Protein backbone atom coordinates (compact mmCIF):
# COMPACT_ATOMS: atom_id res chain seq x y z
CA UNK A 1 57.57 -10.28 78.95
CA UNK A 2 61.08 -12.22 78.93
CA UNK A 3 63.70 -11.82 76.43
CA UNK A 4 63.41 -13.18 73.34
CA UNK A 5 67.47 -12.83 72.10
CA UNK A 6 70.40 -13.08 74.41
CA UNK A 7 74.06 -12.75 73.56
CA UNK A 8 77.20 -14.75 75.49
CA UNK A 9 80.31 -12.63 75.31
CA UNK A 10 83.70 -13.68 76.78
CA UNK A 11 86.40 -11.43 78.03
CA UNK A 12 88.53 -12.25 74.92
CA UNK A 13 85.48 -10.92 72.59
CA UNK A 14 84.32 -14.07 71.49
CA UNK A 15 80.48 -13.69 71.26
CA UNK A 16 77.83 -15.85 70.40
CA UNK A 17 73.73 -14.73 69.57
CA UNK A 18 71.34 -16.77 71.38
CA UNK A 19 74.03 -19.61 72.34
CA UNK A 20 72.79 -23.31 72.31
CA UNK A 21 73.93 -25.58 75.35
CA UNK A 22 77.12 -26.48 73.17
CA UNK A 23 77.97 -23.46 72.27
CA UNK A 24 78.02 -22.54 76.06
CA UNK A 25 80.01 -25.41 76.62
CA UNK A 26 82.68 -23.95 74.29
CA UNK A 27 82.80 -20.38 75.69
CA UNK A 28 83.44 -21.71 78.64
CA UNK A 29 85.85 -24.67 77.85
CA UNK A 30 87.85 -21.54 76.06
CA UNK A 31 88.28 -19.90 79.41
CA UNK A 32 91.54 -19.40 81.09
CA UNK A 33 93.53 -18.07 83.96
CA UNK A 34 95.30 -15.32 82.18
CA UNK A 35 93.67 -13.46 79.37
CA UNK A 36 90.03 -14.98 79.07
CA UNK A 37 88.80 -15.16 82.44
CA UNK A 38 84.96 -15.37 82.27
CA UNK A 39 81.82 -15.19 80.01
CA UNK A 40 78.96 -13.15 80.51
CA UNK A 41 75.06 -14.05 79.22
CA UNK A 42 72.64 -11.46 79.22
CA UNK A 43 69.54 -10.39 76.95
CA UNK A 44 70.46 -8.15 73.95
CA UNK A 45 68.85 -5.18 75.10
CA UNK A 46 70.05 -1.67 76.68
CA UNK A 47 68.79 -2.54 80.42
CA UNK A 48 68.99 -6.26 81.01
CA UNK A 49 66.61 -7.44 83.68
CA UNK A 50 69.16 -10.35 84.16
CA UNK A 51 72.70 -11.68 83.28
CA UNK A 52 74.61 -14.67 84.09
CA UNK A 53 78.36 -15.15 84.36
CA UNK A 54 80.90 -17.49 84.42
CA UNK A 55 84.55 -16.95 85.96
CA UNK A 56 87.62 -19.07 86.32
CA UNK A 57 88.60 -19.67 89.88
CA UNK A 58 92.11 -19.63 90.76
CA UNK A 59 91.72 -22.62 92.69
CA UNK A 60 90.53 -24.60 89.91
CA UNK A 61 86.70 -24.71 88.69
CA UNK A 62 84.27 -22.01 88.34
CA UNK A 63 82.20 -19.36 89.70
CA UNK A 64 78.66 -19.02 88.09
CA UNK A 65 76.79 -15.80 88.88
CA UNK A 66 72.97 -15.94 88.11
CA UNK A 67 71.57 -12.25 88.61
CA UNK A 68 67.17 -11.42 87.83
CA UNK A 69 67.11 -7.76 88.98
CA UNK A 70 63.17 -8.42 88.07
CA UNK A 71 62.84 -11.32 90.49
CA UNK A 72 65.47 -9.96 92.96
CA UNK A 73 67.05 -13.41 92.53
CA UNK A 74 71.26 -13.65 93.15
CA UNK A 75 72.75 -17.11 93.22
CA UNK A 76 76.41 -17.53 93.11
CA UNK A 77 77.84 -20.93 93.06
CA UNK A 78 81.23 -22.90 92.26
CA UNK A 79 81.43 -25.54 89.75
CA UNK A 80 83.62 -27.96 87.96
CA UNK A 81 81.75 -29.51 85.42
CA UNK A 82 81.52 -27.36 82.26
CA UNK A 83 78.80 -29.83 80.81
CA UNK A 84 76.75 -29.23 84.00
CA UNK A 85 77.36 -25.37 84.23
CA UNK A 86 76.17 -25.14 80.22
CA UNK A 87 73.04 -27.36 81.11
CA UNK A 88 71.91 -25.13 84.08
CA UNK A 89 72.44 -22.21 82.50
CA UNK A 90 70.42 -22.91 79.42
CA UNK A 91 67.56 -24.09 81.69
CA UNK A 92 68.11 -21.05 84.03
CA UNK A 93 67.97 -18.75 80.97
CA UNK A 94 64.89 -20.14 79.58
CA UNK A 95 63.19 -20.15 82.57
CA UNK A 96 63.52 -16.13 82.03
CA UNK A 97 61.52 -16.23 78.90
CA UNK A 98 58.74 -18.51 80.60
CA UNK A 99 58.21 -17.44 84.03
CA UNK A 100 57.14 -14.11 83.26
CA UNK A 101 56.76 -11.58 85.83
CA UNK A 102 57.32 -12.44 89.33
CA UNK A 103 54.08 -12.91 91.66
CA UNK A 104 53.77 -12.94 95.37
CA UNK A 105 54.07 -16.83 95.38
CA UNK A 106 56.69 -17.75 92.83
CA UNK A 107 58.90 -14.39 93.86
CA UNK A 108 59.42 -15.97 97.34
CA UNK A 109 60.11 -19.50 96.11
CA UNK A 110 62.54 -17.97 93.97
CA UNK A 111 64.71 -16.70 96.61
CA UNK A 112 66.71 -19.48 97.17
CA UNK A 113 70.19 -20.42 96.09
CA UNK A 114 70.39 -23.99 94.78
CA UNK A 115 73.10 -26.07 96.05
CA UNK A 116 74.69 -29.03 94.10
CA UNK A 117 72.41 -31.91 93.29
């Protein structure tokens, strides 16, 4: 069963329960290269089955990590557009709730890393 509630928390301690796409945009937009370098989003439970994080890169842009331990997925991408990151993460998190447990068919399809569209 997917997680019904999740939490986004930045290094600075800002947090939002069940963040919307706009809320994720604001959290990511507030990141900087010194004291607020990342935000983590994960289910609000003791042993979350998935997480995603966004971190500021020294060279500019962001590193986006998506990890789903149930499905064995790990995706690491770089992205410059905050609006695209917020939208993609919102879709990815919703898929965790809707997909249910992996099957032999969708597990193999989900082990790919998405590139830029």
